[in-house]
N, C-alpha and C. Protein backbone atom coordinates (compact mmCIF):
# COMPACT_ATOMS: atom_id res chain seq x y z
N MET A 1 -41.16 0.94 12.57
CA MET A 1 -39.85 1.30 13.04
C MET A 1 -38.84 1.07 11.91
N ALA A 2 -37.95 2.02 11.72
CA ALA A 2 -36.97 1.92 10.64
C ALA A 2 -35.90 0.88 10.98
N ASP A 3 -35.46 0.17 9.96
CA ASP A 3 -34.39 -0.82 10.13
C ASP A 3 -33.07 -0.06 10.23
N THR A 4 -32.46 -0.08 11.41
CA THR A 4 -31.22 0.67 11.61
C THR A 4 -30.01 -0.22 11.36
N GLN A 5 -29.01 0.40 10.84
CA GLN A 5 -27.76 -0.29 10.53
C GLN A 5 -26.86 -0.27 11.75
N PRO A 6 -26.31 -1.42 12.15
CA PRO A 6 -25.39 -1.41 13.29
C PRO A 6 -24.11 -0.66 12.93
N PRO A 7 -23.36 -0.20 13.94
CA PRO A 7 -22.11 0.50 13.65
C PRO A 7 -21.13 -0.43 12.93
N LEU A 8 -20.30 0.17 12.10
CA LEU A 8 -19.28 -0.63 11.42
C LEU A 8 -18.32 -1.21 12.44
N PRO A 9 -17.86 -2.44 12.23
CA PRO A 9 -16.84 -3.01 13.12
C PRO A 9 -15.59 -2.13 13.08
N GLN A 10 -14.89 -2.06 14.21
CA GLN A 10 -13.71 -1.22 14.35
C GLN A 10 -12.49 -2.09 14.64
N PRO A 11 -11.69 -2.42 13.62
CA PRO A 11 -10.50 -3.24 13.85
C PRO A 11 -9.56 -2.60 14.86
N GLN A 12 -8.96 -3.45 15.67
CA GLN A 12 -7.97 -3.04 16.66
C GLN A 12 -6.70 -3.86 16.43
N LEU A 13 -5.69 -3.60 17.19
CA LEU A 13 -4.44 -4.35 17.04
C LEU A 13 -4.64 -5.84 17.30
N GLU A 14 -5.36 -6.17 18.35
CA GLU A 14 -5.60 -7.57 18.71
C GLU A 14 -6.99 -7.99 18.24
N PRO A 15 -7.20 -9.30 18.06
CA PRO A 15 -8.51 -9.78 17.61
C PRO A 15 -9.63 -9.39 18.58
N ASN A 16 -10.77 -9.04 18.01
CA ASN A 16 -11.97 -8.70 18.79
C ASN A 16 -13.17 -9.30 18.12
N GLY A 17 -14.21 -9.48 18.90
CA GLY A 17 -15.45 -10.00 18.37
C GLY A 17 -16.31 -8.89 17.79
N ILE A 18 -17.27 -9.30 17.00
CA ILE A 18 -18.29 -8.38 16.49
C ILE A 18 -19.61 -8.78 17.13
N THR A 19 -20.60 -7.91 17.05
CA THR A 19 -21.90 -8.22 17.61
C THR A 19 -22.69 -9.10 16.65
N PHE A 20 -23.73 -9.72 17.18
CA PHE A 20 -24.60 -10.53 16.32
C PHE A 20 -25.25 -9.66 15.25
N ASP A 21 -25.68 -8.46 15.63
CA ASP A 21 -26.28 -7.54 14.65
C ASP A 21 -25.30 -7.19 13.54
N GLN A 22 -24.05 -6.97 13.88
CA GLN A 22 -23.04 -6.69 12.86
C GLN A 22 -22.86 -7.90 11.95
N TYR A 23 -22.84 -9.08 12.55
CA TYR A 23 -22.70 -10.30 11.75
C TYR A 23 -23.86 -10.43 10.76
N VAL A 24 -25.07 -10.28 11.24
CA VAL A 24 -26.26 -10.43 10.39
C VAL A 24 -26.25 -9.38 9.27
N HIS A 25 -25.91 -8.14 9.62
CA HIS A 25 -26.00 -7.06 8.64
C HIS A 25 -24.85 -7.07 7.63
N TYR A 26 -23.65 -7.40 8.06
CA TYR A 26 -22.48 -7.22 7.20
C TYR A 26 -21.93 -8.50 6.56
N THR A 27 -22.38 -9.66 7.02
CA THR A 27 -21.87 -10.91 6.45
C THR A 27 -22.78 -11.35 5.31
N PRO A 28 -22.20 -11.55 4.14
CA PRO A 28 -23.04 -11.98 3.01
C PRO A 28 -23.52 -13.41 3.19
N GLU A 29 -24.73 -13.68 2.68
CA GLU A 29 -25.22 -15.05 2.71
C GLU A 29 -24.40 -15.92 1.79
N LYS A 30 -23.94 -15.32 0.70
CA LYS A 30 -23.17 -16.07 -0.28
C LYS A 30 -22.14 -15.14 -0.91
N LEU A 31 -20.87 -15.50 -0.79
CA LEU A 31 -19.84 -14.72 -1.47
C LEU A 31 -19.81 -15.10 -2.94
N GLU A 32 -19.55 -14.13 -3.79
CA GLU A 32 -19.43 -14.37 -5.21
C GLU A 32 -18.05 -13.90 -5.68
N LEU A 33 -17.57 -14.51 -6.74
CA LEU A 33 -16.30 -14.10 -7.34
C LEU A 33 -16.60 -13.52 -8.70
N TYR A 34 -16.22 -12.26 -8.92
CA TYR A 34 -16.46 -11.59 -10.19
C TYR A 34 -15.20 -10.85 -10.59
N ASN A 35 -14.64 -11.23 -11.74
CA ASN A 35 -13.40 -10.63 -12.24
C ASN A 35 -12.28 -10.66 -11.20
N GLY A 36 -12.23 -11.74 -10.43
CA GLY A 36 -11.17 -11.89 -9.45
C GLY A 36 -11.43 -11.23 -8.11
N TYR A 37 -12.59 -10.60 -7.94
CA TYR A 37 -12.91 -9.91 -6.69
C TYR A 37 -14.05 -10.61 -5.97
N MET A 38 -13.90 -10.79 -4.65
CA MET A 38 -14.99 -11.36 -3.87
C MET A 38 -15.99 -10.26 -3.55
N GLY A 39 -17.23 -10.61 -3.61
CA GLY A 39 -18.28 -9.65 -3.28
C GLY A 39 -19.60 -10.36 -3.17
N TYR A 40 -20.63 -9.59 -3.09
CA TYR A 40 -21.95 -10.18 -3.04
C TYR A 40 -22.96 -9.19 -3.60
N GLY A 41 -23.34 -9.46 -4.83
CA GLY A 41 -24.42 -8.74 -5.48
C GLY A 41 -24.26 -7.24 -5.59
N GLY A 42 -23.05 -6.76 -5.72
CA GLY A 42 -22.85 -5.32 -5.91
C GLY A 42 -23.02 -4.50 -4.64
N GLN A 43 -23.25 -5.14 -3.49
CA GLN A 43 -23.40 -4.40 -2.25
C GLN A 43 -22.04 -3.90 -1.77
N ASN A 44 -22.08 -2.86 -0.96
CA ASN A 44 -20.86 -2.34 -0.35
C ASN A 44 -20.31 -3.38 0.62
N SER A 45 -19.08 -3.77 0.44
CA SER A 45 -18.50 -4.83 1.27
C SER A 45 -17.63 -4.29 2.41
N THR A 46 -17.67 -3.00 2.66
CA THR A 46 -16.83 -2.40 3.70
C THR A 46 -17.09 -3.03 5.07
N GLY A 47 -18.34 -3.20 5.44
CA GLY A 47 -18.67 -3.78 6.75
C GLY A 47 -18.13 -5.19 6.90
N PHE A 48 -18.25 -5.99 5.84
CA PHE A 48 -17.73 -7.35 5.87
C PHE A 48 -16.21 -7.35 6.01
N GLN A 49 -15.54 -6.51 5.24
CA GLN A 49 -14.08 -6.44 5.31
C GLN A 49 -13.61 -5.97 6.69
N LEU A 50 -14.30 -4.99 7.26
CA LEU A 50 -13.94 -4.52 8.59
C LEU A 50 -14.21 -5.59 9.65
N ALA A 51 -15.27 -6.37 9.46
CA ALA A 51 -15.56 -7.46 10.41
C ALA A 51 -14.44 -8.49 10.39
N VAL A 52 -13.96 -8.83 9.20
CA VAL A 52 -12.87 -9.80 9.09
C VAL A 52 -11.61 -9.26 9.77
N LEU A 53 -11.29 -7.99 9.51
CA LEU A 53 -10.11 -7.39 10.15
C LEU A 53 -10.28 -7.29 11.66
N THR A 54 -11.49 -7.03 12.12
CA THR A 54 -11.76 -6.96 13.56
C THR A 54 -11.52 -8.32 14.20
N ASN A 55 -12.06 -9.36 13.58
CA ASN A 55 -11.86 -10.71 14.11
C ASN A 55 -10.40 -11.14 14.04
N MET A 56 -9.69 -10.76 13.00
CA MET A 56 -8.30 -11.16 12.81
C MET A 56 -7.37 -10.36 13.69
N GLY A 57 -7.62 -9.09 13.83
CA GLY A 57 -6.71 -8.19 14.53
C GLY A 57 -5.63 -7.71 13.57
N LEU A 58 -5.28 -6.46 13.69
CA LEU A 58 -4.33 -5.87 12.73
C LEU A 58 -2.91 -6.42 12.89
N MET A 59 -2.55 -6.88 14.08
CA MET A 59 -1.21 -7.46 14.26
C MET A 59 -1.07 -8.74 13.44
N LYS A 60 -2.10 -9.56 13.42
CA LYS A 60 -2.06 -10.78 12.63
C LYS A 60 -2.11 -10.43 11.13
N ALA A 61 -2.93 -9.46 10.78
CA ALA A 61 -3.05 -9.06 9.38
C ALA A 61 -1.72 -8.55 8.83
N ILE A 62 -1.03 -7.73 9.62
CA ILE A 62 0.26 -7.20 9.14
C ILE A 62 1.28 -8.32 8.99
N GLY A 63 1.17 -9.34 9.82
CA GLY A 63 2.08 -10.49 9.70
C GLY A 63 1.88 -11.26 8.41
N TYR A 64 0.64 -11.35 7.96
CA TYR A 64 0.36 -12.06 6.72
C TYR A 64 0.75 -11.25 5.49
N VAL A 65 0.59 -9.94 5.57
CA VAL A 65 0.83 -9.09 4.40
C VAL A 65 2.27 -8.60 4.35
N GLY A 66 2.83 -8.27 5.47
CA GLY A 66 4.20 -7.75 5.52
C GLY A 66 4.21 -6.25 5.75
N ALA A 67 5.20 -5.80 6.50
CA ALA A 67 5.28 -4.40 6.90
C ALA A 67 5.46 -3.45 5.72
N LEU A 68 6.22 -3.86 4.71
CA LEU A 68 6.49 -2.94 3.58
C LEU A 68 5.21 -2.51 2.87
N VAL A 69 4.28 -3.43 2.70
CA VAL A 69 3.01 -3.09 2.03
C VAL A 69 2.19 -2.15 2.91
N TRP A 70 2.17 -2.41 4.22
CA TRP A 70 1.43 -1.53 5.13
C TRP A 70 2.06 -0.14 5.17
N ILE A 71 3.37 -0.07 5.13
CA ILE A 71 4.05 1.24 5.12
C ILE A 71 3.68 2.00 3.85
N GLU A 72 3.68 1.30 2.72
CA GLU A 72 3.30 1.95 1.46
C GLU A 72 1.86 2.45 1.52
N ALA A 73 0.96 1.64 2.07
CA ALA A 73 -0.44 2.05 2.19
C ALA A 73 -0.57 3.27 3.10
N LEU A 74 0.12 3.24 4.22
CA LEU A 74 0.08 4.36 5.17
C LEU A 74 0.64 5.62 4.52
N ASP A 75 1.73 5.48 3.80
CA ASP A 75 2.34 6.61 3.11
C ASP A 75 1.35 7.24 2.12
N GLN A 76 0.74 6.43 1.28
CA GLN A 76 -0.21 6.95 0.29
C GLN A 76 -1.42 7.60 0.97
N HIS A 77 -1.92 6.96 2.02
CA HIS A 77 -3.08 7.49 2.74
C HIS A 77 -2.77 8.87 3.35
N LEU A 78 -1.64 8.97 4.02
CA LEU A 78 -1.28 10.24 4.66
C LEU A 78 -1.01 11.33 3.64
N ARG A 79 -0.40 10.98 2.51
CA ARG A 79 -0.15 11.98 1.47
C ARG A 79 -1.47 12.52 0.91
N LYS A 80 -2.44 11.64 0.70
CA LYS A 80 -3.75 12.10 0.21
C LYS A 80 -4.40 13.03 1.22
N GLN A 81 -4.30 12.68 2.51
CA GLN A 81 -4.86 13.55 3.53
C GLN A 81 -4.17 14.91 3.56
N LEU A 82 -2.86 14.92 3.42
CA LEU A 82 -2.13 16.19 3.41
C LEU A 82 -2.54 17.08 2.25
N GLU A 83 -2.89 16.47 1.12
CA GLU A 83 -3.32 17.25 -0.04
C GLU A 83 -4.64 17.97 0.21
N THR A 84 -5.45 17.45 1.11
CA THR A 84 -6.79 18.01 1.32
C THR A 84 -6.86 18.97 2.52
N VAL A 85 -5.80 19.04 3.31
CA VAL A 85 -5.82 19.90 4.49
C VAL A 85 -5.68 21.35 4.06
N ASP A 86 -6.52 22.20 4.63
CA ASP A 86 -6.50 23.62 4.28
C ASP A 86 -5.68 24.38 5.33
N VAL A 87 -4.37 24.45 5.08
CA VAL A 87 -3.46 25.18 5.97
C VAL A 87 -2.51 26.01 5.11
N GLU A 88 -1.77 26.85 5.78
CA GLU A 88 -0.78 27.66 5.07
C GLU A 88 0.22 26.75 4.37
N SER A 89 0.73 27.17 3.24
CA SER A 89 1.62 26.32 2.46
C SER A 89 2.89 25.96 3.23
N GLU A 90 3.37 26.86 4.10
CA GLU A 90 4.56 26.56 4.87
C GLU A 90 4.30 25.40 5.84
N VAL A 91 3.13 25.38 6.43
CA VAL A 91 2.78 24.32 7.37
C VAL A 91 2.64 23.00 6.63
N ALA A 92 1.95 23.02 5.50
CA ALA A 92 1.77 21.81 4.69
C ALA A 92 3.12 21.28 4.23
N GLU A 93 4.00 22.18 3.81
CA GLU A 93 5.33 21.77 3.35
C GLU A 93 6.14 21.17 4.50
N ALA A 94 6.03 21.73 5.69
CA ALA A 94 6.75 21.21 6.86
C ALA A 94 6.23 19.81 7.23
N MET A 95 4.90 19.63 7.16
CA MET A 95 4.33 18.32 7.48
C MET A 95 4.73 17.28 6.43
N LEU A 96 4.77 17.68 5.18
CA LEU A 96 5.20 16.77 4.12
C LEU A 96 6.66 16.38 4.31
N ASP A 97 7.49 17.34 4.70
CA ASP A 97 8.89 17.05 4.96
C ASP A 97 9.04 16.05 6.12
N ARG A 98 8.26 16.23 7.17
CA ARG A 98 8.31 15.30 8.31
C ARG A 98 7.84 13.92 7.89
N LEU A 99 6.77 13.87 7.06
CA LEU A 99 6.28 12.58 6.57
C LEU A 99 7.35 11.89 5.75
N ASN A 100 8.01 12.62 4.87
CA ASN A 100 9.07 12.03 4.04
C ASN A 100 10.18 11.42 4.90
N ARG A 101 10.62 12.16 5.92
CA ARG A 101 11.68 11.65 6.79
C ARG A 101 11.21 10.41 7.57
N ALA A 102 9.98 10.46 8.06
CA ALA A 102 9.46 9.32 8.83
C ALA A 102 9.33 8.08 7.96
N MET A 103 8.85 8.25 6.74
CA MET A 103 8.68 7.10 5.84
C MET A 103 10.03 6.50 5.46
N ILE A 104 11.01 7.34 5.25
CA ILE A 104 12.35 6.82 4.93
C ILE A 104 12.87 5.99 6.10
N ASP A 105 12.72 6.50 7.32
CA ASP A 105 13.17 5.76 8.50
C ASP A 105 12.42 4.44 8.64
N LEU A 106 11.10 4.45 8.47
CA LEU A 106 10.31 3.22 8.56
C LEU A 106 10.74 2.20 7.52
N LEU A 107 10.95 2.66 6.31
CA LEU A 107 11.36 1.74 5.24
C LEU A 107 12.73 1.12 5.51
N VAL A 108 13.65 1.91 6.02
CA VAL A 108 14.98 1.40 6.32
C VAL A 108 14.88 0.29 7.36
N VAL A 109 14.12 0.53 8.41
CA VAL A 109 13.98 -0.49 9.47
C VAL A 109 13.27 -1.72 8.94
N ALA A 110 12.18 -1.55 8.22
CA ALA A 110 11.41 -2.69 7.69
C ALA A 110 12.24 -3.51 6.71
N GLU A 111 12.96 -2.84 5.82
CA GLU A 111 13.79 -3.57 4.85
C GLU A 111 14.92 -4.30 5.56
N TRP A 112 15.51 -3.69 6.57
CA TRP A 112 16.58 -4.35 7.32
C TRP A 112 16.04 -5.60 8.02
N LEU A 113 14.86 -5.51 8.59
CA LEU A 113 14.27 -6.66 9.28
C LEU A 113 13.91 -7.79 8.31
N GLU A 114 13.60 -7.45 7.08
CA GLU A 114 13.23 -8.48 6.10
C GLU A 114 14.44 -9.20 5.53
N GLU A 115 15.64 -8.63 5.69
CA GLU A 115 16.85 -9.26 5.15
C GLU A 115 17.22 -10.52 5.88
């Protein structure tokens, strides 16, 4: 029987548990530090990172990092996605315009709250 990989943990707003299979498969036996980065033997660490975020919950994570960094990450992520969507240029331009307005509004509110 083939060794199957459990599904990746799915972070939610509030903390959630992971399964034992996810723990066994995605948690390294030993973390290593290489050039300032935590990892383990060159393996893909996505499952481990998602498990930590799942256990922590995104609301707690955003509190530790701060809204401005999350807004910047969301902005960059959405812009990359917009670049890859195959739609008419007018539609893409309209969506980019909406994204620009939304990001400006989010930044204004986040910066005001941080003052």
